[in-house]
Amino acid sequence: MSEVRGVDVSILGRDFTVSCTEEERAGLMQAVNYLDKKMKDIQATGKIVGVERIAIMAALNITHELLSAKHGNFDIGDYKRRIDLMQEQIDEALDASSGKLF
């Protein structure tokens, strides 16, 4: 496991340092970008004022998306496990046939 390091991120124009490993960095940046977009979308409506209120509304919207996905018989964890298994099978098939490709 990699060493935990601080990663500088910006959300709604505010800078933060978040600790994570190198393996977690890509996922962290994906989450930061998603949250930043959600918060900017809410801010752009002009209906909600204040960073704290915008953050709470973004959290509620993201939570609703997650719960709706689970309610619709869509288990993200299950799909991730299935995708990981398929990736392993593809890797094994490629390794087994690597000498036969050319």
Protein backbone atom coordinates (compact mmCIF):
# COMPACT_ATOMS: atom_id res chain seq x y z
CA MET A 1 0.00 0.00 0.00
CA SER A 2 1.27 3.44 -0.86
CA GLU A 3 2.12 6.16 1.54
CA VAL A 4 -0.67 8.57 2.45
CA ARG A 5 -0.07 12.06 1.06
CA GLY A 6 -1.90 15.33 0.91
CA VAL A 7 -3.61 16.16 -2.37
CA ASP A 8 -4.62 19.75 -3.08
CA VAL A 9 -8.13 20.05 -4.50
CA SER A 10 -10.48 22.92 -5.28
CA ILE A 11 -14.23 22.77 -4.73
CA LEU A 12 -16.36 25.77 -5.62
CA GLY A 13 -13.26 27.94 -5.70
CA ARG A 14 -12.09 26.92 -2.24
CA ASP A 15 -8.85 25.03 -1.78
CA PHE A 16 -8.54 21.96 0.44
CA THR A 17 -5.85 19.40 1.16
CA VAL A 18 -7.15 15.83 1.37
CA SER A 19 -5.08 12.83 2.45
CA CYS A 20 -5.11 9.71 0.31
CA THR A 21 -2.83 7.06 -1.16
CA GLU A 22 -1.63 7.13 -4.75
CA GLU A 23 -4.04 4.29 -5.57
CA GLU A 24 -6.98 6.34 -4.25
CA ARG A 25 -5.96 9.57 -6.00
CA ALA A 26 -7.84 9.02 -9.28
CA GLY A 27 -11.04 8.14 -7.44
CA LEU A 28 -10.64 11.14 -5.18
CA MET A 29 -10.20 13.48 -8.14
CA GLN A 30 -13.26 11.99 -9.82
CA ALA A 31 -15.29 12.61 -6.65
CA VAL A 32 -13.94 16.16 -6.33
CA ASN A 33 -14.85 16.96 -9.93
CA TYR A 34 -18.34 15.50 -9.53
CA LEU A 35 -19.00 17.41 -6.30
CA ASP A 36 -17.60 20.64 -7.73
CA LYS A 37 -19.89 20.36 -10.77
CA LYS A 38 -22.94 19.64 -8.61
CA MET A 39 -22.19 22.61 -6.37
CA LYS A 40 -21.59 24.93 -9.34
CA ASP A 41 -24.87 23.81 -10.91
CA ILE A 42 -26.73 24.64 -7.69
CA GLN A 43 -24.92 27.97 -7.37
CA ALA A 44 -25.78 28.85 -10.98
CA THR A 45 -29.51 28.63 -10.28
CA GLY A 46 -29.14 31.59 -7.93
CA LYS A 47 -31.85 30.19 -5.67
CA ILE A 48 -29.50 29.08 -2.90
CA VAL A 49 -27.05 31.49 -1.32
CA GLY A 50 -24.07 30.55 0.83
CA VAL A 51 -21.46 27.86 0.39
CA GLU A 52 -22.72 25.86 3.36
CA ARG A 53 -26.27 25.69 1.99
CA ILE A 54 -24.99 24.83 -1.48
CA ALA A 55 -22.86 22.02 0.01
CA ILE A 56 -25.85 20.64 1.92
CA MET A 57 -28.06 20.70 -1.19
CA ALA A 58 -25.32 19.00 -3.24
CA ALA A 59 -24.97 16.33 -0.53
CA LEU A 60 -28.74 15.77 -0.54
CA ASN A 61 -28.83 15.52 -4.34
CA ILE A 62 -25.92 13.07 -4.46
CA THR A 63 -27.43 11.00 -1.63
CA HIS A 64 -30.74 10.90 -3.49
CA GLU A 65 -28.96 9.71 -6.65
CA LEU A 66 -27.22 6.95 -4.69
CA LEU A 67 -30.37 5.79 -2.91
CA SER A 68 -32.38 5.89 -6.14
CA ALA A 69 -29.77 3.74 -7.82
CA LYS A 70 -29.98 1.20 -4.97
CA HIS A 71 -33.79 1.28 -4.99
CA GLY A 72 -33.88 0.51 -8.69
CA ASN A 73 -32.25 -2.87 -8.07
CA PHE A 74 -28.95 -1.34 -9.10
CA ASP A 75 -26.27 -2.30 -6.61
CA ILE A 76 -23.12 -0.40 -7.52
CA GLY A 77 -20.93 -2.71 -5.43
CA ASP A 78 -22.29 -5.77 -7.21
CA TYR A 79 -21.66 -4.26 -10.62
CA LYS A 80 -18.13 -3.26 -9.61
CA ARG A 81 -17.42 -6.82 -8.45
CA ARG A 82 -18.81 -8.21 -11.72
CA ILE A 83 -16.73 -5.79 -13.79
CA ASP A 84 -13.60 -6.68 -11.79
CA LEU A 85 -14.27 -10.39 -12.39
CA MET A 86 -14.74 -9.79 -16.12
CA GLN A 87 -11.50 -7.79 -16.21
CA GLU A 88 -9.65 -10.65 -14.52
CA GLN A 89 -11.08 -13.12 -17.04
CA ILE A 90 -10.05 -10.87 -19.94
CA ASP A 91 -6.54 -10.51 -18.50
CA GLU A 92 -6.25 -14.28 -18.08
CA ALA A 93 -7.46 -14.89 -21.64
CA LEU A 94 -4.98 -12.36 -23.01
CA ASP A 95 -2.14 -13.86 -20.97
CA ALA A 96 -3.02 -17.37 -22.17
CA SER A 97 -3.10 -16.34 -25.80
CA SER A 98 -0.30 -13.76 -25.75
CA GLY A 99 2.05 -16.06 -27.64
CA LYS A 100 -0.61 -16.86 -30.23
CA LEU A 101 -1.60 -13.34 -31.26
CA PHE A 102 1.11 -12.76 -33.87
